[in-house]
Amino acid sequence: MKNYVQKGETLTLTAPYAVSSGGGALVGSIFGVAAADYASGTEGEFQVQGVFDLTRETGGSTAWSAGDLIYWDNTNKRATKTATSNKLIGVAARAAADGDATGRVRLNGAFIS
């Protein structure tokens, strides 16, 4: 097919802020995981599909169960179960306890406002 460009699991995006390899970034309505370290304003490769261990909200009642909807808190640059003011990025791929620093997330690969 002449108009096929790519599979779409990885996109070249401009980093909206400095992000380390494996860190999450929200670019408009696109959430991706950085393939390398990128300075703010530089182009880089971001994985938009797959399963990743991401920095997550800790303390209080922040435990996840497998299948919980997971959102990106762009202010604190971490994954959370809190929907308010955050962007849906996927679902918890396994449970995470209140004190766990990371949580396993299956990215939804869709761009939802």
Protein backbone atom coordinates (compact mmCIF):
# COMPACT_ATOMS: atom_id res chain seq x y z
CA MET A 1 0.00 0.00 0.00
CA LYS A 2 1.49 3.33 -1.09
CA ASN A 3 0.31 5.45 1.85
CA TYR A 4 1.60 3.23 4.70
CA VAL A 5 4.13 5.08 6.87
CA GLN A 6 4.94 2.95 9.92
CA LYS A 7 3.52 0.55 12.49
CA GLY A 8 2.97 3.42 14.95
CA GLU A 9 4.27 1.85 18.17
CA THR A 10 7.02 4.49 18.30
CA LEU A 11 6.59 8.12 17.28
CA THR A 12 9.14 10.89 16.77
CA LEU A 13 7.99 13.74 19.01
CA THR A 14 9.41 16.95 20.45
CA ALA A 15 10.05 16.56 24.18
CA PRO A 16 7.89 19.08 26.07
CA TYR A 17 10.37 19.02 28.98
CA ALA A 18 13.60 17.19 29.82
CA VAL A 19 12.85 13.49 30.05
CA SER A 20 15.12 10.54 30.86
CA SER A 21 15.12 7.22 29.06
CA GLY A 22 12.12 5.23 30.31
CA GLY A 23 10.39 8.36 31.60
CA GLY A 24 6.90 9.36 30.56
CA ALA A 25 6.04 12.49 28.63
CA LEU A 26 2.76 14.05 27.57
CA VAL A 27 3.00 15.74 24.17
CA GLY A 28 -0.37 17.38 23.56
CA SER A 29 -2.75 14.41 23.75
CA ILE A 30 -0.03 11.84 23.05
CA PHE A 31 1.57 10.00 25.97
CA GLY A 32 4.82 8.17 25.32
CA VAL A 33 7.79 6.63 27.07
CA ALA A 34 11.17 8.08 26.06
CA ALA A 35 13.56 5.72 24.29
CA ALA A 36 16.57 7.82 25.38
CA ASP A 37 17.36 10.99 27.34
CA TYR A 38 15.95 14.10 25.64
CA ALA A 39 16.33 17.77 26.50
CA SER A 40 13.28 19.98 26.41
CA GLY A 41 12.48 21.00 22.83
CA THR A 42 14.50 18.23 21.15
CA GLU A 43 13.05 15.53 18.93
CA GLY A 44 13.20 11.94 20.07
CA GLU A 45 11.58 8.55 19.87
CA PHE A 46 8.68 7.81 22.22
CA GLN A 47 7.01 4.42 22.62
CA VAL A 48 3.22 4.86 22.62
CA GLN A 49 2.23 1.20 22.90
CA GLY A 50 3.42 -1.59 25.14
CA VAL A 51 3.82 -2.40 28.84
CA PHE A 52 6.13 -0.28 31.00
CA ASP A 53 7.11 0.15 34.65
CA LEU A 54 6.44 3.83 35.32
CA THR A 55 7.04 6.11 38.29
CA ARG A 56 3.79 6.24 40.21
CA GLU A 57 2.01 8.12 42.96
CA THR A 58 2.83 6.65 46.40
CA GLY A 59 1.49 6.86 49.94
CA GLY A 60 -2.05 7.14 51.22
CA SER A 61 -4.62 5.02 49.39
CA THR A 62 -2.81 4.77 46.07
CA ALA A 63 -2.71 0.98 45.58
CA TRP A 64 -3.56 -0.35 42.10
CA SER A 65 -5.30 -3.54 41.10
CA ALA A 66 -4.70 -5.17 37.72
CA GLY A 67 -7.06 -3.58 35.23
CA ASP A 68 -7.44 -0.21 37.00
CA LEU A 69 -7.49 2.78 34.67
CA ILE A 70 -4.20 4.69 34.93
CA TYR A 71 -3.70 8.39 34.24
CA TRP A 72 -0.66 10.65 33.76
CA ASP A 73 -0.17 13.43 36.31
CA ASN A 74 1.79 15.84 34.11
CA THR A 75 2.42 18.27 36.99
CA ASN A 76 4.27 15.65 39.06
CA LYS A 77 5.39 13.50 36.07
CA ARG A 78 3.98 10.24 37.42
CA ALA A 79 1.24 7.67 36.87
CA THR A 80 -1.84 7.75 39.10
CA LYS A 81 -5.36 6.34 39.51
CA THR A 82 -6.68 9.90 39.91
CA ALA A 83 -8.67 10.93 36.84
CA THR A 84 -9.26 14.57 37.75
CA SER A 85 -7.07 16.92 35.66
CA ASN A 86 -5.00 13.97 34.36
CA LYS A 87 -4.75 12.17 30.98
CA LEU A 88 -5.82 8.52 30.61
CA ILE A 89 -2.77 6.55 29.44
CA GLY A 90 -3.74 2.90 29.95
CA VAL A 91 -4.46 0.23 32.54
CA ALA A 92 -2.54 -1.34 35.41
CA ALA A 93 -0.99 -4.56 34.13
CA ARG A 94 -0.50 -5.86 37.68
CA ALA A 95 -1.24 -4.80 41.24
CA ALA A 96 0.90 -2.16 42.99
CA ALA A 97 0.93 -1.49 46.74
CA ASP A 98 0.63 1.97 48.31
CA GLY A 99 4.41 2.33 48.80
CA ASP A 100 5.55 0.94 45.42
CA ALA A 101 7.62 3.54 43.55
CA THR A 102 6.71 2.10 40.14
CA GLY A 103 3.67 0.49 38.62
CA ARG A 104 3.32 -1.69 35.52
CA VAL A 105 1.13 0.00 32.92
CA ARG A 106 -0.15 -1.21 29.56
CA LEU A 107 -0.36 1.92 27.43
CA ASN A 108 -3.64 2.27 25.60
CA GLY A 109 -2.03 3.70 22.45
CA ALA A 110 -5.08 5.92 21.93
CA PHE A 111 -5.22 9.65 22.31
CA ILE A 112 -8.15 10.59 24.49
CA SER A 113 -8.87 14.15 25.56
